[in-house]
Amino acid sequence: MPRTSVRIADELHTALHNAAISPPYILVAHAFGSYNMRVFADRHMRDVGGIVLVDADDSDVEPAKWQSRDHRSFQRIVATMRVCQRAVAKGLPLPPLPSPTGRPPGTCPGLFFRGLPESRFSDGLNAALLHQVQTQASLYDAAISEMEEMPGDEAYLQHHVTSFGSRPIRVLTTWHFGKPPATPASVHNDRMAFEHDSALAQGSWLRLSTNSKQIFDYDEGRQYIQLDHPDIVVDAIREVLNSEQRQL
């Protein structure tokens, strides 16, 4: 503790060294993992062969209004996770969580991934993850610390904009186009504006390399590309690997 992206990146670098896994490394990151892997690249660029960013968190490069909204969201999630952490630490059943008026109560397993159980996971994997969520207070401690440190991680990335040179960068971006029937126009328009700005923010990473590409997945829904369209991720990784090997 604290679970900063600098600490996480350096722990990974040490683990790879101790395991005798030699560079160059192809980094692949989703969501918050983007912070960790981009920090890893900044601190250990000579060991990096390329990077694939999969619907990566982009608060450090997004417009200020969305960044402020994200920071408020971090605070709400941390407060909710503390409710779950206290119950687990005391050996109590997981409590129902407050939710917006008119919606069913949330759940502690619902805070992880797209909510557990995840339809794309096997029964065994879901059971193992649910067991951790129900019994491991340290899981919440780590997640809470990561959320609390994210503004500092963003500041680090804003002050350490490191060129990848000709190392390949692939940015995979999801746009959740489509307006559910019950969505008010104002909510839909706000969502569209956010997705537009997020796509541009993620596109800013293309300037870090002379070998970069942004790939869009336009499917609707609350989507994880790696779960719903894994071939897109696999193809991007292979492309980066092949490009990196040609440079050796």
C-alpha atoms as a PDB file:
ATOM      1  CA  MET A   1       0.000   0.000   0.000  1.00  0.00           C
ATOM      2  CA  PRO A   2      -0.827   2.403  -1.385  1.00  0.00           C
ATOM      3  CA  ARG A   3      -1.731   0.654  -4.655  1.00  0.00           C
ATOM      4  CA  THR A   4      -0.366   3.246  -7.048  1.00  0.00           C
ATOM      5  CA  SER A   5       0.265   2.457 -10.695  1.00  0.00           C
ATOM      6  CA  VAL A   6       3.968   3.118 -10.110  1.00  0.00           C
ATOM      7  CA  ARG A   7       4.060   0.475  -7.386  1.00  0.00           C
ATOM      8  CA  ILE A   8       2.027  -2.003  -9.474  1.00  0.00           C
ATOM      9  CA  ALA A   9       4.198  -1.464 -12.567  1.00  0.00           C
ATOM     10  CA  ASP A  10       7.431  -1.906 -10.626  1.00  0.00           C
ATOM     11  CA  GLU A  11       6.092  -5.023  -8.880  1.00  0.00           C
ATOM     12  CA  LEU A  12       5.299  -6.515 -12.286  1.00  0.00           C
ATOM     13  CA  HIS A  13       8.755  -5.646 -13.601  1.00  0.00           C
ATOM     14  CA  THR A  14      10.366  -7.302 -10.570  1.00  0.00           C
ATOM     15  CA  ALA A  15       8.145 -10.378 -10.907  1.00  0.00           C
ATOM     16  CA  LEU A  16       9.079 -10.802 -14.573  1.00  0.00           C
ATOM     17  CA  HIS A  17      12.768 -10.461 -13.701  1.00  0.00           C
ATOM     18  CA  ASN A  18      12.525 -12.938 -10.819  1.00  0.00           C
ATOM     19  CA  ALA A  19      10.697 -15.410 -13.052  1.00  0.00           C
ATOM     20  CA  ALA A  20      13.478 -15.099 -15.655  1.00  0.00           C
ATOM     21  CA  ILE A  21      10.976 -13.967 -18.326  1.00  0.00           C
ATOM     22  CA  SER A  22      13.099 -11.939 -20.694  1.00  0.00           C
ATOM     23  CA  PRO A  23      11.994  -8.801 -22.539  1.00  0.00           C
ATOM     24  CA  PRO A  24      10.760  -7.428 -24.836  1.00  0.00           C
ATOM     25  CA  TYR A  25       7.237  -7.582 -23.408  1.00  0.00           C
ATOM     26  CA  ILE A  26       3.965  -7.041 -25.248  1.00  0.00           C
ATOM     27  CA  LEU A  27       1.768  -5.162 -22.775  1.00  0.00           C
ATOM     28  CA  VAL A  28      -2.019  -5.715 -22.898  1.00  0.00           C
ATOM     29  CA  ALA A  29      -4.315  -3.661 -20.711  1.00  0.00           C
ATOM     30  CA  HIS A  30      -8.032  -3.187 -20.105  1.00  0.00           C
ATOM     31  CA  ALA A  31      -9.724  -0.375 -18.138  1.00  0.00           C
ATOM     32  CA  PHE A  32      -7.634   0.579 -15.043  1.00  0.00           C
ATOM     33  CA  GLY A  33      -4.898  -1.739 -16.304  1.00  0.00           C
ATOM     34  CA  SER A  34      -4.194   0.989 -18.856  1.00  0.00           C
ATOM     35  CA  TYR A  35      -2.770   3.189 -16.117  1.00  0.00           C
ATOM     36  CA  ASN A  36      -0.517   0.391 -14.850  1.00  0.00           C
ATOM     37  CA  MET A  37       0.797  -0.659 -18.255  1.00  0.00           C
ATOM     38  CA  ARG A  38       1.326   2.882 -19.533  1.00  0.00           C
ATOM     39  CA  VAL A  39       3.283   3.631 -16.348  1.00  0.00           C
ATOM     40  CA  PHE A  40       5.216   0.376 -16.877  1.00  0.00           C
ATOM     41  CA  ALA A  41       6.115   1.559 -20.384  1.00  0.00           C
ATOM     42  CA  ASP A  42       7.230   4.950 -19.076  1.00  0.00           C
ATOM     43  CA  ARG A  43       9.475   3.430 -16.419  1.00  0.00           C
ATOM     44  CA  HIS A  44      10.781   0.437 -18.377  1.00  0.00           C
ATOM     45  CA  MET A  45      10.450   1.398 -22.049  1.00  0.00           C
ATOM     46  CA  ARG A  46      13.618  -0.411 -23.133  1.00  0.00           C
ATOM     47  CA  ASP A  47      11.925  -3.675 -22.067  1.00  0.00           C
ATOM     48  CA  VAL A  48       8.708  -2.975 -23.995  1.00  0.00           C
ATOM     49  CA  GLY A  49       7.997  -4.361 -27.453  1.00  0.00           C
ATOM     50  CA  GLY A  50       4.553  -2.816 -27.896  1.00  0.00           C
ATOM     51  CA  ILE A  51       1.183  -2.284 -26.231  1.00  0.00           C
ATOM     52  CA  VAL A  52      -2.474  -3.161 -26.825  1.00  0.00           C
ATOM     53  CA  LEU A  53      -4.989  -0.958 -24.972  1.00  0.00           C
ATOM     54  CA  VAL A  54      -8.444  -2.538 -24.739  1.00  0.00           C
ATOM     55  CA  ASP A  55     -11.193  -0.032 -23.864  1.00  0.00           C
ATOM     56  CA  ALA A  56      -8.588   1.591 -21.673  1.00  0.00           C
ATOM     57  CA  ASP A  57      -9.317   4.108 -18.928  1.00  0.00           C
ATOM     58  CA  ASP A  58      -8.409   7.516 -20.320  1.00  0.00           C
ATOM     59  CA  SER A  59      -9.187  10.028 -17.571  1.00  0.00           C
ATOM     60  CA  ASP A  60      -5.713  11.543 -17.793  1.00  0.00           C
ATOM     61  CA  VAL A  61      -6.335  12.668 -21.406  1.00  0.00           C
ATOM     62  CA  GLU A  62     -10.102  13.263 -21.441  1.00  0.00           C
ATOM     63  CA  PRO A  63     -11.763  16.710 -21.160  1.00  0.00           C
ATOM     64  CA  ALA A  64     -11.890  18.195 -17.662  1.00  0.00           C
ATOM     65  CA  LYS A  65     -15.682  17.885 -17.334  1.00  0.00           C
ATOM     66  CA  TRP A  66     -15.530  14.110 -17.786  1.00  0.00           C
ATOM     67  CA  GLN A  67     -12.510  13.814 -15.547  1.00  0.00           C
ATOM     68  CA  SER A  68     -14.404  15.591 -12.763  1.00  0.00           C
ATOM     69  CA  ARG A  69     -17.330  13.220 -13.256  1.00  0.00           C
ATOM     70  CA  ASP A  70     -14.974  10.240 -13.100  1.00  0.00           C
ATOM     71  CA  HIS A  71     -13.455  11.467  -9.837  1.00  0.00           C
ATOM     72  CA  ARG A  72     -16.901  11.796  -8.271  1.00  0.00           C
ATOM     73  CA  SER A  73     -17.643   8.269  -9.470  1.00  0.00           C
ATOM     74  CA  PHE A  74     -14.435   7.009  -7.835  1.00  0.00           C
ATOM     75  CA  GLN A  75     -15.601   8.451  -4.520  1.00  0.00           C
ATOM     76  CA  ARG A  76     -19.005   6.770  -4.784  1.00  0.00           C
ATOM     77  CA  ILE A  77     -17.473   3.409  -5.657  1.00  0.00           C
ATOM     78  CA  VAL A  78     -14.993   3.632  -2.776  1.00  0.00           C
ATOM     79  CA  ALA A  79     -17.807   4.401  -0.326  1.00  0.00           C
ATOM     80  CA  THR A  80     -19.766   1.408  -1.616  1.00  0.00           C
ATOM     81  CA  MET A  81     -16.762  -0.910  -1.450  1.00  0.00           C
ATOM     82  CA  ARG A  82     -16.159   0.083   2.167  1.00  0.00           C
ATOM     83  CA  VAL A  83     -19.635  -1.217   3.023  1.00  0.00           C
ATOM     84  CA  CYS A  84     -18.723  -4.586   1.491  1.00  0.00           C
ATOM     85  CA  GLN A  85     -15.241  -4.608   3.057  1.00  0.00           C
ATOM     86  CA  ARG A  86     -16.584  -4.043   6.571  1.00  0.00           C
ATOM     87  CA  ALA A  87     -19.049  -6.905   6.226  1.00  0.00           C
ATOM     88  CA  VAL A  88     -16.426  -9.320   4.912  1.00  0.00           C
ATOM     89  CA  ALA A  89     -13.887  -8.299   7.570  1.00  0.00           C
ATOM     90  CA  LYS A  90     -16.482  -9.088  10.282  1.00  0.00           C
ATOM     91  CA  GLY A  91     -17.521 -12.373   8.673  1.00  0.00           C
ATOM     92  CA  LEU A  92     -21.036 -11.094   7.988  1.00  0.00           C
ATOM     93  CA  PRO A  93     -23.201 -11.821   4.927  1.00  0.00           C
ATOM     94  CA  LEU A  94     -22.713  -9.408   2.059  1.00  0.00           C
ATOM     95  CA  PRO A  95     -25.223  -6.559   2.438  1.00  0.00           C
ATOM     96  CA  PRO A  96     -27.515  -5.129  -0.243  1.00  0.00           C
ATOM     97  CA  LEU A  97     -26.125  -1.874  -1.589  1.00  0.00           C
ATOM     98  CA  PRO A  98     -27.949   1.408  -2.145  1.00  0.00           C
ATOM     99  CA  SER A  99     -29.046   2.036  -5.709  1.00  0.00           C
ATOM    100  CA  PRO A 100     -30.797   4.840  -7.581  1.00  0.00           C
ATOM    101  CA  THR A 101     -34.477   5.283  -6.783  1.00  0.00           C
ATOM    102  CA  GLY A 102     -36.666   2.740  -8.502  1.00  0.00           C
ATOM    103  CA  ARG A 103     -33.894   0.222  -9.112  1.00  0.00           C
ATOM    104  CA  PRO A 104     -33.238  -3.008  -7.200  1.00  0.00           C
ATOM    105  CA  PRO A 105     -30.488  -2.899  -4.559  1.00  0.00           C
ATOM    106  CA  GLY A 106     -26.967  -3.501  -5.827  1.00  0.00           C
ATOM    107  CA  THR A 107     -24.694  -6.320  -4.696  1.00  0.00           C
ATOM    108  CA  CYS A 108     -21.028  -6.577  -3.741  1.00  0.00           C
ATOM    109  CA  PRO A 109     -20.328  -9.161  -6.500  1.00  0.00           C
ATOM    110  CA  GLY A 110     -21.899  -6.643  -8.901  1.00  0.00           C
ATOM    111  CA  LEU A 111     -18.919  -4.317  -8.331  1.00  0.00           C
ATOM    112  CA  PHE A 112     -16.495  -6.616 -10.152  1.00  0.00           C
ATOM    113  CA  PHE A 113     -16.164  -7.116 -13.900  1.00  0.00           C
ATOM    114  CA  ARG A 114     -19.697  -6.704 -15.306  1.00  0.00           C
ATOM    115  CA  GLY A 115     -21.090  -8.248 -12.151  1.00  0.00           C
ATOM    116  CA  LEU A 116     -20.641 -11.788 -10.895  1.00  0.00           C
ATOM    117  CA  PRO A 117     -21.496 -14.384 -11.992  1.00  0.00           C
ATOM    118  CA  GLU A 118     -20.326 -13.405 -15.487  1.00  0.00           C
ATOM    119  CA  SER A 119     -22.038 -15.327 -18.282  1.00  0.00           C
ATOM    120  CA  ARG A 120     -18.796 -15.590 -20.255  1.00  0.00           C
ATOM    121  CA  PHE A 121     -16.908 -17.247 -17.384  1.00  0.00           C
ATOM    122  CA  SER A 122     -16.983 -20.949 -16.557  1.00  0.00           C
ATOM    123  CA  ASP A 123     -18.862 -22.182 -13.495  1.00  0.00           C
ATOM    124  CA  GLY A 124     -15.533 -22.924 -11.821  1.00  0.00           C
ATOM    125  CA  LEU A 125     -14.120 -19.463 -12.447  1.00  0.00           C
ATOM    126  CA  ASN A 126     -17.319 -17.777 -11.269  1.00  0.00           C
ATOM    127  CA  ALA A 127     -17.326 -19.884  -8.104  1.00  0.00           C
ATOM    128  CA  ALA A 128     -13.690 -19.013  -7.344  1.00  0.00           C
ATOM    129  CA  LEU A 129     -14.244 -15.297  -7.907  1.00  0.00           C
ATOM    130  CA  LEU A 130     -17.441 -15.239  -5.859  1.00  0.00           C
ATOM    131  CA  HIS A 131     -15.625 -16.989  -3.010  1.00  0.00           C
ATOM    132  CA  GLN A 132     -12.973 -14.255  -3.004  1.00  0.00           C
ATOM    133  CA  VAL A 133     -15.564 -11.482  -3.107  1.00  0.00           C
ATOM    134  CA  GLN A 134     -17.421 -13.090  -0.196  1.00  0.00           C
ATOM    135  CA  THR A 135     -14.406 -13.881   2.027  1.00  0.00           C
ATOM    136  CA  GLN A 136     -11.347 -11.740   1.203  1.00  0.00           C
ATOM    137  CA  ALA A 137     -11.358  -8.316   2.860  1.00  0.00           C
ATOM    138  CA  SER A 138      -7.913  -7.698   1.346  1.00  0.00           C
ATOM    139  CA  LEU A 139      -9.509  -7.768  -2.122  1.00  0.00           C
ATOM    140  CA  TYR A 140     -11.579  -4.718  -1.189  1.00  0.00           C
ATOM    141  CA  ASP A 141      -8.610  -3.053   0.529  1.00  0.00           C
ATOM    142  CA  ALA A 142      -6.596  -3.288  -2.681  1.00  0.00           C
ATOM    143  CA  ALA A 143      -9.466  -2.151  -4.911  1.00  0.00           C
ATOM    144  CA  ILE A 144     -10.251   0.793  -2.615  1.00  0.00           C
ATOM    145  CA  SER A 145      -6.613   1.876  -2.580  1.00  0.00           C
ATOM    146  CA  GLU A 146      -6.411   1.650  -6.384  1.00  0.00           C
ATOM    147  CA  MET A 147      -9.495   3.855  -6.751  1.00  0.00           C
ATOM    148  CA  GLU A 148      -8.202   6.389  -4.214  1.00  0.00           C
ATOM    149  CA  GLU A 149      -4.848   6.612  -6.005  1.00  0.00           C
ATOM    150  CA  MET A 150      -6.250   7.037  -9.534  1.00  0.00           C
ATOM    151  CA  PRO A 151      -6.149  10.872  -9.537  1.00  0.00           C
ATOM    152  CA  GLY A 152      -2.473  10.664  -8.592  1.00  0.00           C
ATOM    153  CA  ASP A 153      -1.892   8.048 -11.292  1.00  0.00           C
ATOM    154  CA  GLU A 154      -3.468  10.411 -13.812  1.00  0.00           C
ATOM    155  CA  ALA A 155      -1.184  13.235 -12.711  1.00  0.00           C
ATOM    156  CA  TYR A 156       1.828  10.945 -13.128  1.00  0.00           C
ATOM    157  CA  LEU A 157       0.780  10.017 -16.672  1.00  0.00           C
ATOM    158  CA  GLN A 158       0.135  13.654 -17.563  1.00  0.00           C
ATOM    159  CA  HIS A 159       3.696  14.522 -16.518  1.00  0.00           C
ATOM    160  CA  HIS A 160       5.317  11.447 -18.093  1.00  0.00           C
ATOM    161  CA  VAL A 161       4.250  11.344 -21.737  1.00  0.00           C
ATOM    162  CA  THR A 162       6.780   8.907 -23.141  1.00  0.00           C
ATOM    163  CA  SER A 163       7.343   8.199 -26.830  1.00  0.00           C
ATOM    164  CA  PHE A 164       7.156   4.570 -27.967  1.00  0.00           C
ATOM    165  CA  GLY A 165       9.237   5.446 -31.026  1.00  0.00           C
ATOM    166  CA  SER A 166       8.373   2.830 -33.641  1.00  0.00           C
ATOM    167  CA  ARG A 167       7.071   0.304 -31.118  1.00  0.00           C
ATOM    168  CA  PRO A 168       3.533  -0.724 -32.124  1.00  0.00           C
ATOM    169  CA  ILE A 169       0.497   0.683 -30.311  1.00  0.00           C
ATOM    170  CA  ARG A 170      -3.004  -0.667 -30.906  1.00  0.00           C
ATOM    171  CA  VAL A 171      -5.946   1.124 -29.283  1.00  0.00           C
ATOM    172  CA  LEU A 172      -9.217  -0.854 -29.175  1.00  0.00           C
ATOM    173  CA  THR A 173     -12.238   1.390 -28.574  1.00  0.00           C
ATOM    174  CA  THR A 174     -15.868   0.446 -27.991  1.00  0.00           C
ATOM    175  CA  TRP A 175     -18.686   2.821 -28.866  1.00  0.00           C
ATOM    176  CA  HIS A 176     -21.945   1.731 -27.279  1.00  0.00           C
ATOM    177  CA  PHE A 177     -24.133   3.264 -29.954  1.00  0.00           C
ATOM    178  CA  GLY A 178     -27.866   2.818 -29.693  1.00  0.00           C
ATOM    179  CA  LYS A 179     -30.600   4.366 -27.609  1.00  0.00           C
ATOM    180  CA  PRO A 180     -32.660   2.013 -25.422  1.00  0.00           C
ATOM    181  CA  PRO A 181     -36.396   2.791 -25.743  1.00  0.00           C
ATOM    182  CA  ALA A 182     -36.692   4.169 -22.196  1.00  0.00           C
ATOM    183  CA  THR A 183     -33.625   6.412 -22.365  1.00  0.00           C
ATOM    184  CA  PRO A 184     -34.494  10.136 -22.276  1.00  0.00           C
ATOM    185  CA  ALA A 185     -33.042  12.164 -25.132  1.00  0.00           C
ATOM    186  CA  SER A 186     -30.928  14.240 -22.727  1.00  0.00           C
ATOM    187  CA  VAL A 187     -29.325  11.118 -21.245  1.00  0.00           C
ATOM    188  CA  HIS A 188     -28.712   9.649 -24.675  1.00  0.00           C
ATOM    189  CA  ASN A 189     -27.131  12.875 -25.947  1.00  0.00           C
ATOM    190  CA  ASP A 190     -24.894  13.097 -22.884  1.00  0.00           C
ATOM    191  CA  ARG A 191     -23.808   9.522 -23.403  1.00  0.00           C
ATOM    192  CA  MET A 192     -23.056  10.119 -27.072  1.00  0.00           C
ATOM    193  CA  ALA A 193     -20.995  13.206 -26.211  1.00  0.00           C
ATOM    194  CA  PHE A 194     -18.987  11.244 -23.656  1.00  0.00           C
ATOM    195  CA  GLU A 195     -18.320   8.380 -26.060  1.00  0.00           C
ATOM    196  CA  HIS A 196     -17.237  10.810 -28.773  1.00  0.00           C
ATOM    197  CA  ASP A 197     -14.822  12.590 -26.431  1.00  0.00           C
ATOM    198  CA  SER A 198     -13.540   9.299 -25.020  1.00  0.00           C
ATOM    199  CA  ALA A 199     -12.774   7.986 -28.508  1.00  0.00           C
ATOM    200  CA  LEU A 200     -10.822  11.165 -29.270  1.00  0.00           C
ATOM    201  CA  ALA A 201      -9.006  10.935 -25.934  1.00  0.00           C
ATOM    202  CA  GLN A 202      -7.955   7.351 -26.598  1.00  0.00           C
ATOM    203  CA  GLY A 203      -6.949   8.372 -30.097  1.00  0.00           C
ATOM    204  CA  SER A 204      -4.431  10.813 -28.603  1.00  0.00           C
ATOM    205  CA  TRP A 205      -2.237   7.827 -27.721  1.00  0.00           C
ATOM    206  CA  LEU A 206      -1.636   7.237 -31.427  1.00  0.00           C
ATOM    207  CA  ARG A 207       0.747  10.192 -31.398  1.00  0.00           C
ATOM    208  CA  LEU A 208       3.112   8.271 -29.124  1.00  0.00           C
ATOM    209  CA  SER A 209       4.271   5.927 -31.887  1.00  0.00           C
ATOM    210  CA  THR A 210       4.963   5.969 -35.606  1.00  0.00           C
ATOM    211  CA  ASN A 211       3.322   2.521 -35.722  1.00  0.00           C
ATOM    212  CA  SER A 212      -0.116   3.038 -34.195  1.00  0.00           C
ATOM    213  CA  LYS A 213      -3.733   2.260 -35.007  1.00  0.00           C
ATOM    214  CA  GLN A 214      -7.139   2.740 -33.371  1.00  0.00           C
ATOM    215  CA  ILE A 215      -9.637  -0.085 -33.928  1.00  0.00           C
ATOM    216  CA  PHE A 216     -13.349   0.478 -33.240  1.00  0.00           C
ATOM    217  CA  ASP A 217     -15.860  -2.118 -32.089  1.00  0.00           C
ATOM    218  CA  TYR A 218     -19.315  -0.620 -32.675  1.00  0.00           C
ATOM    219  CA  ASP A 219     -21.442  -3.295 -31.023  1.00  0.00           C
ATOM    220  CA  GLU A 220     -24.072  -2.145 -28.525  1.00  0.00           C
ATOM    221  CA  GLY A 221     -24.416  -3.113 -24.914  1.00  0.00           C
ATOM    222  CA  ARG A 222     -22.325  -2.942 -21.778  1.00  0.00           C
ATOM    223  CA  GLN A 223     -19.497  -4.665 -23.521  1.00  0.00           C
ATOM    224  CA  TYR A 224     -16.056  -5.978 -22.685  1.00  0.00           C
ATOM    225  CA  ILE A 225     -14.309  -6.467 -26.017  1.00  0.00           C
ATOM    226  CA  GLN A 226     -12.149  -9.290 -24.630  1.00  0.00           C
ATOM    227  CA  LEU A 227     -15.230 -11.197 -23.438  1.00  0.00           C
ATOM    228  CA  ASP A 228     -17.720 -10.473 -26.211  1.00  0.00           C
ATOM    229  CA  HIS A 229     -15.397 -10.160 -29.226  1.00  0.00           C
ATOM    230  CA  PRO A 230     -12.111 -11.776 -28.126  1.00  0.00           C
ATOM    231  CA  ASP A 231     -10.936 -12.270 -31.716  1.00  0.00           C
ATOM    232  CA  ILE A 232     -10.488  -8.492 -32.029  1.00  0.00           C
ATOM    233  CA  VAL A 233      -8.105  -8.523 -29.066  1.00  0.00           C
ATOM    234  CA  VAL A 234      -6.256 -11.641 -30.203  1.00  0.00           C
ATOM    235  CA  ASP A 235      -5.784 -10.190 -33.698  1.00  0.00           C
ATOM    236  CA  ALA A 236      -4.405  -6.939 -32.270  1.00  0.00           C
ATOM    237  CA  ILE A 237      -1.957  -8.817 -30.033  1.00  0.00           C
ATOM    238  CA  ARG A 238      -0.767 -10.924 -32.968  1.00  0.00           C
ATOM    239  CA  GLU A 239      -0.362  -7.804 -35.085  1.00  0.00           C
ATOM    240  CA  VAL A 240       1.753  -6.124 -32.414  1.00  0.00           C
ATOM    241  CA  LEU A 241       3.794  -9.288 -31.868  1.00  0.00           C
ATOM    242  CA  ASN A 242       4.471  -9.714 -35.581  1.00  0.00           C
ATOM    243  CA  SER A 243       5.367  -6.038 -35.952  1.00  0.00           C
ATOM    244  CA  GLU A 244       7.703  -6.179 -32.969  1.00  0.00           C
ATOM    245  CA  GLN A 245       9.428  -9.321 -34.270  1.00  0.00           C
ATOM    246  CA  ARG A 246      10.051  -7.681 -37.654  1.00  0.00           C
ATOM    247  CA  GLN A 247      11.950  -4.931 -35.872  1.00  0.00           C
ATOM    248  CA  LEU A 248      14.315  -7.360 -34.115  1.00  0.00           C
END
